[in-house]
Amino acid sequence: MTQPVLHTPRLELVPLADEHLEWEIELDSDPEVMRYLDGRASTRAEVEAAHRRRLAAALEVPGLGLWAGFAEDGFVGWWLLRPPHGPDQPQVDGEADLGFRLLRRRWRRGYATEGARELLRYGFADLGLDRVFAQTLAVNTPSRATMAAAGLSFVRAFPCSGGDENLVPGIAQGEVEYAITRATWLRMTEQQS
């Protein structure tokens, strides 16, 4: 199964492709967007390398990957639903990691939550996932609020596995994980209808 194009009332989410590289460069070159990730703007070379990794991640598990999101007036950001990875994300069948990154001018408009909810719908209804989780720095209150608004609940806090305390504000306070199961998502969906 390849990644489909997904739609929300305000967004079209299309599988990430080479044609989106310049948008990724704009996104990752904003130090405020990257504040809780690297603590600084990414260089073009770093974004190009990240782009190649993002495209490769879409090949790991059929149907999972990254999506570039567009509103009626243009690029908004990207969303991901990918297999767990990294030291704090063991690979478990039926689980996926949810993420999002938006242009600063698109913040506080509900786009992050809207796209995240669509990926949850897709992951549970179309792919049959059992659990979706998201992680961020404990001090990243905007991302934590988006996770909660999308329906995920706090699961745990844990120490960061890397990063420079001098560059990334709040890294010493660790990370947090939020998650939702298919059963919980189904109950929420039934209550909303």
N, C-alpha and C. Protein backbone atom coordinates (compact mmCIF):
# COMPACT_ATOMS: atom_id res chain seq x y z
N MET A 1 0.84 -1.19 0.00
CA MET A 1 0.00 0.00 0.00
C MET A 1 0.88 1.24 0.00
N THR A 2 0.66 2.12 -0.94
CA THR A 2 1.41 3.37 -0.97
C THR A 2 0.65 4.42 -0.16
N GLN A 3 1.34 5.47 0.19
CA GLN A 3 0.71 6.56 0.94
C GLN A 3 -0.33 7.24 0.06
N PRO A 4 -1.54 7.39 0.55
CA PRO A 4 -2.56 8.10 -0.22
C PRO A 4 -2.49 9.60 0.03
N VAL A 5 -3.14 10.34 -0.83
CA VAL A 5 -3.39 11.76 -0.57
C VAL A 5 -4.54 11.81 0.43
N LEU A 6 -4.39 12.60 1.48
CA LEU A 6 -5.41 12.71 2.53
C LEU A 6 -6.00 14.11 2.53
N HIS A 7 -7.25 14.22 2.95
CA HIS A 7 -7.93 15.52 2.95
C HIS A 7 -8.60 15.78 4.29
N THR A 8 -8.57 17.04 4.69
CA THR A 8 -9.32 17.53 5.84
C THR A 8 -10.13 18.71 5.31
N PRO A 9 -10.96 19.32 6.15
CA PRO A 9 -11.70 20.49 5.64
C PRO A 9 -10.81 21.60 5.07
N ARG A 10 -9.60 21.76 5.62
CA ARG A 10 -8.75 22.86 5.15
C ARG A 10 -7.42 22.43 4.56
N LEU A 11 -7.09 21.16 4.62
CA LEU A 11 -5.77 20.70 4.20
C LEU A 11 -5.84 19.59 3.16
N GLU A 12 -4.84 19.59 2.30
CA GLU A 12 -4.56 18.44 1.45
C GLU A 12 -3.18 17.96 1.85
N LEU A 13 -3.10 16.71 2.26
CA LEU A 13 -1.84 16.11 2.69
C LEU A 13 -1.39 15.16 1.59
N VAL A 14 -0.25 15.49 0.96
CA VAL A 14 0.25 14.68 -0.15
C VAL A 14 1.56 14.03 0.26
N PRO A 15 1.79 12.79 -0.18
CA PRO A 15 3.04 12.13 0.18
C PRO A 15 4.25 13.00 -0.18
N LEU A 16 5.17 13.10 0.77
CA LEU A 16 6.37 13.92 0.57
C LEU A 16 7.13 13.43 -0.66
N ALA A 17 7.59 14.38 -1.47
CA ALA A 17 8.31 14.07 -2.70
C ALA A 17 9.42 15.10 -2.90
N ASP A 18 10.27 14.86 -3.89
CA ASP A 18 11.37 15.78 -4.17
C ASP A 18 10.88 17.19 -4.46
N GLU A 19 9.70 17.32 -5.03
CA GLU A 19 9.18 18.64 -5.36
C GLU A 19 8.90 19.49 -4.12
N HIS A 20 8.93 18.88 -2.95
CA HIS A 20 8.66 19.62 -1.70
C HIS A 20 9.93 20.09 -0.99
N LEU A 21 11.09 19.80 -1.54
CA LEU A 21 12.35 20.12 -0.87
C LEU A 21 12.47 21.60 -0.52
N GLU A 22 12.16 22.48 -1.43
CA GLU A 22 12.31 23.91 -1.15
C GLU A 22 11.42 24.35 0.01
N TRP A 23 10.24 23.74 0.13
CA TRP A 23 9.38 24.06 1.26
C TRP A 23 10.01 23.57 2.57
N GLU A 24 10.61 22.38 2.52
CA GLU A 24 11.29 21.85 3.72
C GLU A 24 12.45 22.76 4.12
N ILE A 25 13.17 23.28 3.13
CA ILE A 25 14.28 24.19 3.43
C ILE A 25 13.76 25.45 4.11
N GLU A 26 12.67 26.01 3.59
CA GLU A 26 12.09 27.20 4.24
C GLU A 26 11.68 26.88 5.68
N LEU A 27 11.05 25.75 5.86
CA LEU A 27 10.57 25.34 7.18
C LEU A 27 11.72 25.17 8.17
N ASP A 28 12.71 24.37 7.80
CA ASP A 28 13.79 24.03 8.73
C ASP A 28 14.85 25.12 8.86
N SER A 29 14.79 26.15 8.02
CA SER A 29 15.76 27.24 8.15
C SER A 29 15.28 28.32 9.12
N ASP A 30 14.09 28.13 9.69
CA ASP A 30 13.57 29.06 10.69
C ASP A 30 14.00 28.58 12.07
N PRO A 31 14.83 29.37 12.77
CA PRO A 31 15.31 28.92 14.08
C PRO A 31 14.19 28.71 15.10
N GLU A 32 13.08 29.42 14.97
CA GLU A 32 11.97 29.22 15.91
C GLU A 32 11.27 27.89 15.65
N VAL A 33 11.16 27.49 14.40
CA VAL A 33 10.59 26.18 14.07
C VAL A 33 11.47 25.07 14.64
N MET A 34 12.76 25.27 14.60
CA MET A 34 13.72 24.24 15.02
C MET A 34 14.13 24.38 16.49
N ARG A 35 13.54 25.31 17.19
CA ARG A 35 13.93 25.63 18.56
C ARG A 35 14.02 24.41 19.47
N TYR A 36 13.03 23.55 19.46
CA TYR A 36 13.01 22.39 20.36
C TYR A 36 13.54 21.12 19.71
N LEU A 37 14.12 21.26 18.52
CA LEU A 37 14.70 20.12 17.82
C LEU A 37 16.22 20.20 17.85
N ASP A 38 16.76 21.20 17.17
CA ASP A 38 18.21 21.38 17.13
C ASP A 38 18.66 22.66 17.82
N GLY A 39 17.70 23.53 18.14
CA GLY A 39 18.05 24.79 18.78
C GLY A 39 18.61 25.83 17.83
N ARG A 40 18.58 25.53 16.54
CA ARG A 40 19.11 26.46 15.54
C ARG A 40 18.52 26.12 14.18
N ALA A 41 18.66 27.05 13.26
CA ALA A 41 18.21 26.81 11.89
C ALA A 41 19.08 25.73 11.25
N SER A 42 18.50 24.94 10.39
CA SER A 42 19.25 23.93 9.65
C SER A 42 19.83 24.55 8.38
N THR A 43 20.98 24.05 7.97
CA THR A 43 21.57 24.49 6.71
C THR A 43 20.87 23.77 5.55
N ARG A 44 21.06 24.29 4.35
CA ARG A 44 20.48 23.63 3.17
C ARG A 44 20.98 22.19 3.07
N ALA A 45 22.26 21.96 3.29
CA ALA A 45 22.82 20.61 3.20
C ALA A 45 22.18 19.68 4.24
N GLU A 46 21.94 20.19 5.44
CA GLU A 46 21.31 19.38 6.48
C GLU A 46 19.87 19.02 6.10
N VAL A 47 19.15 19.99 5.52
CA VAL A 47 17.76 19.72 5.12
C VAL A 47 17.73 18.73 3.95
N GLU A 48 18.66 18.86 3.01
CA GLU A 48 18.71 17.92 1.89
C GLU A 48 18.96 16.50 2.40
N ALA A 49 19.86 16.36 3.37
CA ALA A 49 20.12 15.03 3.96
C ALA A 49 18.88 14.53 4.71
N ALA A 50 18.22 15.41 5.45
CA ALA A 50 17.01 15.02 6.17
C ALA A 50 15.90 14.62 5.18
N HIS A 51 15.82 15.33 4.07
CA HIS A 51 14.82 15.03 3.04
C HIS A 51 15.02 13.61 2.51
N ARG A 52 16.26 13.24 2.24
CA ARG A 52 16.54 11.88 1.76
C ARG A 52 16.15 10.83 2.81
N ARG A 53 16.43 11.13 4.09
CA ARG A 53 16.04 10.21 5.17
C ARG A 53 14.51 10.11 5.27
N ARG A 54 13.84 11.24 5.12
CA ARG A 54 12.37 11.25 5.20
C ARG A 54 11.76 10.42 4.07
N LEU A 55 12.30 10.56 2.87
CA LEU A 55 11.79 9.77 1.74
C LEU A 55 12.06 8.29 1.96
N ALA A 56 13.23 7.95 2.49
CA ALA A 56 13.56 6.55 2.76
C ALA A 56 12.66 5.97 3.84
N ALA A 57 12.29 6.78 4.83
CA ALA A 57 11.41 6.31 5.91
C ALA A 57 10.06 5.88 5.36
N ALA A 58 9.62 6.51 4.29
CA ALA A 58 8.32 6.17 3.69
C ALA A 58 8.35 4.79 3.04
N LEU A 59 9.53 4.23 2.85
CA LEU A 59 9.64 2.91 2.22
C LEU A 59 9.71 1.78 3.25
N GLU A 60 9.86 2.13 4.53
CA GLU A 60 10.03 1.11 5.57
C GLU A 60 8.79 0.25 5.78
N VAL A 61 7.64 0.89 5.90
CA VAL A 61 6.39 0.17 6.14
C VAL A 61 5.35 0.71 5.16
N PRO A 62 4.76 -0.15 4.35
CA PRO A 62 3.77 0.33 3.37
C PRO A 62 2.67 1.16 4.04
N GLY A 63 2.39 2.31 3.43
CA GLY A 63 1.33 3.19 3.92
C GLY A 63 1.79 4.25 4.89
N LEU A 64 2.93 4.05 5.54
CA LEU A 64 3.45 5.05 6.48
C LEU A 64 4.43 5.96 5.76
N GLY A 65 4.67 7.14 6.33
CA GLY A 65 5.62 8.06 5.74
C GLY A 65 5.35 9.49 6.17
N LEU A 66 5.72 10.42 5.32
CA LEU A 66 5.53 11.84 5.57
C LEU A 66 4.64 12.44 4.51
N TRP A 67 3.90 13.46 4.92
CA TRP A 67 2.99 14.16 4.01
C TRP A 67 3.28 15.65 4.08
N ALA A 68 3.34 16.29 2.92
CA ALA A 68 3.41 17.74 2.85
C ALA A 68 1.97 18.24 2.87
N GLY A 69 1.71 19.25 3.70
CA GLY A 69 0.36 19.76 3.85
C GLY A 69 0.18 21.11 3.18
N PHE A 70 -0.91 21.24 2.45
CA PHE A 70 -1.22 22.49 1.74
C PHE A 70 -2.63 22.94 2.07
N ALA A 71 -2.76 24.23 2.37
CA ALA A 71 -4.07 24.87 2.50
C ALA A 71 -4.38 25.52 1.16
N GLU A 72 -5.52 26.15 1.07
CA GLU A 72 -5.92 26.81 -0.17
C GLU A 72 -4.88 27.84 -0.63
N ASP A 73 -4.22 28.48 0.32
CA ASP A 73 -3.24 29.52 -0.02
C ASP A 73 -1.79 29.05 0.04
N GLY A 74 -1.54 27.74 0.03
CA GLY A 74 -0.17 27.26 -0.08
C GLY A 74 0.29 26.34 1.03
N PHE A 75 1.62 26.15 1.07
CA PHE A 75 2.26 25.20 1.97
C PHE A 75 2.05 25.58 3.43
N VAL A 76 1.77 24.57 4.25
CA VAL A 76 1.56 24.76 5.68
C VAL A 76 2.69 24.13 6.48
N GLY A 77 3.07 22.91 6.14
CA GLY A 77 4.10 22.17 6.87
C GLY A 77 4.05 20.71 6.48
N TRP A 78 4.62 19.86 7.34
CA TRP A 78 4.53 18.43 7.06
C TRP A 78 4.08 17.68 8.31
N TRP A 79 3.53 16.50 8.05
CA TRP A 79 3.07 15.58 9.08
C TRP A 79 3.68 14.23 8.79
N LEU A 80 3.91 13.45 9.84
CA LEU A 80 4.45 12.12 9.62
C LEU A 80 3.71 11.10 10.45
N LEU A 81 3.68 9.92 9.93
CA LEU A 81 3.20 8.73 10.62
C LEU A 81 4.18 7.66 10.17
N ARG A 82 5.11 7.31 11.05
CA ARG A 82 6.19 6.40 10.64
C ARG A 82 6.40 5.33 11.70
N PRO A 83 7.13 4.29 11.33
CA PRO A 83 7.43 3.25 12.32
C PRO A 83 8.24 3.84 13.47
N PRO A 84 8.08 3.29 14.66
CA PRO A 84 8.91 3.76 15.78
C PRO A 84 10.39 3.61 15.42
N HIS A 85 11.19 4.52 15.97
CA HIS A 85 12.64 4.48 15.72
C HIS A 85 13.36 5.12 16.90
N GLY A 86 14.61 4.89 17.02
CA GLY A 86 15.41 5.55 18.04
C GLY A 86 15.45 4.79 19.36
N PRO A 87 16.32 5.23 20.25
CA PRO A 87 16.52 4.50 21.52
C PRO A 87 15.31 4.50 22.44
N ASP A 88 14.45 5.51 22.34
CA ASP A 88 13.27 5.57 23.21
C ASP A 88 12.00 5.17 22.48
N GLN A 89 12.15 4.60 21.28
CA GLN A 89 11.00 4.20 20.48
C GLN A 89 11.26 2.82 19.88
N PRO A 90 11.12 1.78 20.68
CA PRO A 90 11.35 0.44 20.12
C PRO A 90 10.33 0.11 19.05
N GLN A 91 10.77 -0.60 18.01
CA GLN A 91 9.86 -0.98 16.93
C GLN A 91 8.89 -2.04 17.43
N VAL A 92 7.62 -1.75 17.30
CA VAL A 92 6.55 -2.66 17.69
C VAL A 92 5.56 -2.70 16.53
N ASP A 93 5.25 -3.90 16.06
CA ASP A 93 4.26 -4.02 14.98
C ASP A 93 2.95 -3.39 15.42
N GLY A 94 2.31 -2.68 14.52
CA GLY A 94 1.02 -2.06 14.82
C GLY A 94 1.12 -0.72 15.51
N GLU A 95 2.34 -0.21 15.69
CA GLU A 95 2.52 1.10 16.31
C GLU A 95 3.16 2.05 15.32
N ALA A 96 2.89 3.34 15.51
CA ALA A 96 3.49 4.36 14.66
C ALA A 96 3.73 5.63 15.47
N ASP A 97 4.70 6.39 15.03
CA ASP A 97 5.10 7.66 15.61
C ASP A 97 4.44 8.77 14.80
N LEU A 98 3.74 9.67 15.48
CA LEU A 98 3.08 10.81 14.85
C LEU A 98 3.92 12.06 15.07
N GLY A 99 4.06 12.86 14.03
CA GLY A 99 4.80 14.11 14.16
C GLY A 99 4.28 15.17 13.21
N PHE A 100 4.70 16.39 13.43
CA PHE A 100 4.28 17.51 12.59
C PHE A 100 5.28 18.64 12.76
N ARG A 101 5.39 19.45 11.72
CA ARG A 101 6.25 20.64 11.74
C ARG A 101 5.62 21.65 10.79
N LEU A 102 5.31 22.83 11.29
CA LEU A 102 4.60 23.84 10.50
C LEU A 102 5.40 25.13 10.38
N LEU A 103 5.20 25.81 9.27
CA LEU A 103 5.77 27.15 9.11
C LEU A 103 5.28 28.04 10.25
N ARG A 104 6.12 28.91 10.74
CA ARG A 104 5.74 29.75 11.87
C ARG A 104 4.49 30.59 11.57
N ARG A 105 4.37 31.08 10.34
CA ARG A 105 3.20 31.90 10.02
C ARG A 105 1.90 31.09 10.02
N ARG A 106 2.00 29.76 10.12
CA ARG A 106 0.82 28.87 10.17
C ARG A 106 0.48 28.42 11.59
N TRP A 107 1.29 28.80 12.56
CA TRP A 107 1.06 28.40 13.94
C TRP A 107 -0.24 29.02 14.48
N ARG A 108 -0.79 28.37 15.46
CA ARG A 108 -1.96 28.84 16.22
C ARG A 108 -3.21 29.03 15.36
N ARG A 109 -3.34 28.22 14.34
CA ARG A 109 -4.53 28.27 13.49
C ARG A 109 -5.27 26.93 13.45
N GLY A 110 -4.80 25.97 14.23
CA GLY A 110 -5.44 24.66 14.29
C GLY A 110 -5.01 23.68 13.22
N TYR A 111 -4.07 24.08 12.35
CA TYR A 111 -3.64 23.18 11.28
C TYR A 111 -2.93 21.93 11.83
N ALA A 112 -2.07 22.09 12.83
CA ALA A 112 -1.32 20.94 13.35
C ALA A 112 -2.28 19.88 13.88
N THR A 113 -3.28 20.31 14.64
CA THR A 113 -4.25 19.37 15.19
C THR A 113 -5.09 18.74 14.08
N GLU A 114 -5.51 19.54 13.13
CA GLU A 114 -6.34 19.05 12.03
C GLU A 114 -5.61 17.96 11.24
N GLY A 115 -4.36 18.21 10.90
CA GLY A 115 -3.57 17.20 10.17
C GLY A 115 -3.30 15.97 11.02
N ALA A 116 -3.01 16.18 12.31
CA ALA A 116 -2.74 15.05 13.21
C ALA A 116 -3.97 14.16 13.34
N ARG A 117 -5.14 14.77 13.47
CA ARG A 117 -6.37 13.97 13.57
C ARG A 117 -6.62 13.14 12.31
N GLU A 118 -6.30 13.72 11.16
CA GLU A 118 -6.48 12.97 9.92
C GLU A 118 -5.51 11.80 9.85
N LEU A 119 -4.28 11.99 10.30
CA LEU A 119 -3.34 10.87 10.29
C LEU A 119 -3.75 9.80 11.29
N LEU A 120 -4.34 10.20 12.42
CA LEU A 120 -4.86 9.20 13.36
C LEU A 120 -6.00 8.41 12.71
N ARG A 121 -6.91 9.11 12.05
CA ARG A 121 -8.00 8.43 11.36
C ARG A 121 -7.46 7.44 10.34
N TYR A 122 -6.53 7.90 9.54
CA TYR A 122 -5.92 7.06 8.51
C TYR A 122 -5.21 5.86 9.15
N GLY A 123 -4.42 6.12 10.18
CA GLY A 123 -3.66 5.05 10.82
C GLY A 123 -4.54 3.98 11.44
N PHE A 124 -5.59 4.39 12.13
CA PHE A 124 -6.46 3.42 12.78
C PHE A 124 -7.49 2.81 11.84
N ALA A 125 -8.17 3.64 11.04
CA ALA A 125 -9.25 3.14 10.18
C ALA A 125 -8.73 2.45 8.93
N ASP A 126 -7.71 3.00 8.29
CA ASP A 126 -7.24 2.45 7.02
C ASP A 126 -6.10 1.45 7.17
N LEU A 127 -5.17 1.73 8.09
CA LEU A 127 -4.02 0.85 8.25
C LEU A 127 -4.19 -0.19 9.35
N GLY A 128 -5.17 0.02 10.23
CA GLY A 128 -5.39 -0.94 11.31
C GLY A 128 -4.34 -0.89 12.40
N LEU A 129 -3.72 0.26 12.61
CA LEU A 129 -2.73 0.38 13.68
C LEU A 129 -3.39 0.14 15.03
N ASP A 130 -2.60 -0.30 16.01
CA ASP A 130 -3.09 -0.53 17.36
C ASP A 130 -2.83 0.65 18.28
N ARG A 131 -1.73 1.37 18.01
CA ARG A 131 -1.33 2.47 18.91
C ARG A 131 -0.52 3.49 18.12
N VAL A 132 -0.77 4.77 18.40
CA VAL A 132 0.02 5.86 17.82
C VAL A 132 0.52 6.70 18.97
N PHE A 133 1.78 7.08 18.91
CA PHE A 133 2.37 7.91 19.96
C PHE A 133 3.10 9.09 19.34
N ALA A 134 3.39 10.09 20.17
CA ALA A 134 4.16 11.26 19.75
C ALA A 134 5.05 11.66 20.91
N GLN A 135 6.21 12.19 20.59
CA GLN A 135 7.16 12.60 21.63
C GLN A 135 7.67 14.00 21.34
N THR A 136 7.98 14.74 22.40
CA THR A 136 8.56 16.07 22.28
C THR A 136 9.28 16.40 23.58
N LEU A 137 10.00 17.51 23.58
CA LEU A 137 10.61 17.97 24.83
C LEU A 137 9.51 18.35 25.81
N ALA A 138 9.76 18.11 27.08
CA ALA A 138 8.78 18.42 28.12
C ALA A 138 8.41 19.90 28.10
N VAL A 139 9.34 20.78 27.73
CA VAL A 139 9.08 22.22 27.75
C VAL A 139 8.36 22.73 26.50
N ASN A 140 8.14 21.86 25.53
CA ASN A 140 7.48 22.27 24.28
C ASN A 140 5.96 22.25 24.48
N THR A 141 5.46 23.23 25.20
CA THR A 141 4.03 23.25 25.53
C THR A 141 3.12 23.38 24.30
N PRO A 142 3.49 24.10 23.24
CA PRO A 142 2.59 24.13 22.06
C PRO A 142 2.40 22.74 21.43
N SER A 143 3.48 21.98 21.28
CA SER A 143 3.34 20.64 20.70
C SER A 143 2.56 19.72 21.63
N ARG A 144 2.80 19.84 22.93
CA ARG A 144 2.06 19.03 23.89
C ARG A 144 0.56 19.35 23.81
N ALA A 145 0.23 20.62 23.66
CA ALA A 145 -1.18 21.00 23.55
C ALA A 145 -1.80 20.43 22.28
N THR A 146 -1.05 20.42 21.19
CA THR A 146 -1.55 19.86 19.94
C THR A 146 -1.79 18.37 20.08
N MET A 147 -0.86 17.66 20.72
CA MET A 147 -1.03 16.22 20.92
C MET A 147 -2.30 15.95 21.71
N ALA A 148 -2.50 16.70 22.78
CA ALA A 148 -3.70 16.52 23.61
C ALA A 148 -4.97 16.86 22.83
N ALA A 149 -4.93 17.94 22.05
CA ALA A 149 -6.09 18.35 21.27
C ALA A 149 -6.45 17.30 20.21
N ALA A 150 -5.45 16.59 19.71
CA ALA A 150 -5.70 15.55 18.71
C ALA A 150 -6.25 14.27 19.34
N GLY A 151 -6.20 14.18 20.68
CA GLY A 151 -6.75 13.02 21.36
C GLY A 151 -5.74 12.14 22.06
N LEU A 152 -4.46 12.46 21.96
CA LEU A 152 -3.44 11.67 22.64
C LEU A 152 -3.37 12.06 24.11
N SER A 153 -2.99 11.12 24.95
CA SER A 153 -2.88 11.36 26.39
C SER A 153 -1.44 11.16 26.84
N PHE A 154 -1.06 11.89 27.89
CA PHE A 154 0.28 11.78 28.46
C PHE A 154 0.51 10.34 28.93
N VAL A 155 1.69 9.78 28.57
CA VAL A 155 2.05 8.43 28.97
C VAL A 155 3.22 8.43 29.94
N ARG A 156 4.27 9.20 29.59
CA ARG A 156 5.47 9.14 30.42
C ARG A 156 6.39 10.32 30.11
N ALA A 157 7.30 10.54 31.05
CA ALA A 157 8.42 11.48 30.87
C ALA A 157 9.69 10.65 30.94
N PHE A 158 10.72 11.07 30.22
CA PHE A 158 11.98 10.32 30.22
C PHE A 158 13.12 11.26 29.85
N PRO A 159 14.36 10.90 30.22
CA PRO A 159 15.50 11.75 29.89
C PRO A 159 15.74 11.80 28.39
N CYS A 160 16.28 12.91 27.92
CA CYS A 160 16.64 13.04 26.50
C CYS A 160 17.81 12.13 26.20
N SER A 161 17.80 11.57 24.99
CA SER A 161 18.87 10.66 24.60
C SER A 161 20.01 11.38 23.89
N GLY A 162 19.92 12.67 23.73
CA GLY A 162 20.98 13.42 23.07
C GLY A 162 20.61 14.87 22.96
N GLY A 163 21.48 15.65 22.39
CA GLY A 163 21.19 17.07 22.22
C GLY A 163 22.12 17.91 23.08
N ASP A 164 22.25 19.15 22.71
CA ASP A 164 23.16 20.07 23.36
C ASP A 164 22.37 21.02 24.25
N GLU A 165 22.62 20.95 25.56
CA GLU A 165 21.91 21.82 26.51
C GLU A 165 22.12 23.30 26.21
N ASN A 166 23.26 23.63 25.60
CA ASN A 166 23.55 25.03 25.29
C ASN A 166 22.75 25.53 24.09
N LEU A 167 22.29 24.61 23.23
CA LEU A 167 21.56 25.00 22.03
C LEU A 167 20.04 24.85 22.18
N VAL A 168 19.61 23.76 22.78
CA VAL A 168 18.18 23.45 22.85
C VAL A 168 17.65 23.80 24.24
N PRO A 169 16.80 24.82 24.32
CA PRO A 169 16.29 25.24 25.62
C PRO A 169 15.41 24.16 26.26
N GLY A 170 15.67 23.87 27.52
CA GLY A 170 14.84 22.92 28.26
C GLY A 170 15.16 21.47 28.05
N ILE A 171 16.22 21.15 27.31
CA ILE A 171 16.53 19.75 27.03
C ILE A 171 16.83 18.98 28.31
N ALA A 172 17.37 19.65 29.31
CA ALA A 172 17.70 18.99 30.57
C ALA A 172 16.44 18.50 31.30
N GLN A 173 15.28 19.05 30.95
CA GLN A 173 14.03 18.62 31.59
C GLN A 173 13.44 17.37 30.95
N GLY A 174 14.09 16.86 29.91
CA GLY A 174 13.69 15.60 29.32
C GLY A 174 12.59 15.71 28.29
N GLU A 175 12.10 14.54 27.91
CA GLU A 175 11.05 14.43 26.89
C GLU A 175 9.79 13.83 27.50
N VAL A 176 8.72 13.93 26.74
CA VAL A 176 7.45 13.34 27.13
C VAL A 176 6.89 12.55 25.96
N GLU A 177 6.07 11.58 26.30
CA GLU A 177 5.39 10.78 25.29
C GLU A 177 3.89 10.86 25.55
N TYR A 178 3.14 11.05 24.46
CA TYR A 178 1.69 11.01 24.47
C TYR A 178 1.28 9.88 23.53
N ALA A 179 0.14 9.25 23.76
CA ALA A 179 -0.28 8.15 22.91
C ALA A 179 -1.79 7.99 22.92
N ILE A 180 -2.26 7.24 21.93
CA ILE A 180 -3.66 6.87 21.83
C ILE A 180 -3.73 5.48 21.21
N THR A 181 -4.64 4.66 21.70
CA THR A 181 -4.84 3.33 21.13
C THR A 181 -6.03 3.36 20.18
N ARG A 182 -6.13 2.33 19.36
CA ARG A 182 -7.26 2.24 18.44
C ARG A 182 -8.57 2.18 19.22
N ALA A 183 -8.61 1.43 20.32
CA ALA A 183 -9.84 1.32 21.11
C ALA A 183 -10.28 2.69 21.64
N THR A 184 -9.34 3.47 22.13
CA THR A 184 -9.67 4.81 22.62
C THR A 184 -10.14 5.70 21.48
N TRP A 185 -9.45 5.64 20.35
CA TRP A 185 -9.84 6.44 19.18
C TRP A 185 -11.25 6.08 18.71
N LEU A 186 -11.57 4.78 18.69
CA LEU A 186 -12.90 4.36 18.28
C LEU A 186 -13.97 4.90 19.23
N ARG A 187 -13.70 4.85 20.54
CA ARG A 187 -14.66 5.40 21.51
C ARG A 187 -14.86 6.90 21.29
N MET A 188 -13.76 7.62 21.08
CA MET A 188 -13.85 9.06 20.83
C MET A 188 -14.65 9.34 19.56
N THR A 189 -14.41 8.57 18.52
CA THR A 189 -15.09 8.76 17.24
C THR A 189 -16.58 8.51 17.39
N GLU A 190 -16.95 7.47 18.13
CA GLU A 190 -18.36 7.15 18.36
C GLU A 190 -19.05 8.28 19.15
N GLN A 191 -18.35 8.83 20.12
CA GLN A 191 -18.93 9.90 20.94
C GLN A 191 -19.15 11.18 20.13
N GLN A 192 -18.29 11.40 19.12
CA GLN A 192 -18.39 12.62 18.31
C GLN A 192 -19.46 12.52 17.24
N SER A 193 -19.90 11.29 16.95
CA SER A 193 -20.91 11.15 15.87
C SER A 193 -22.32 11.06 16.40
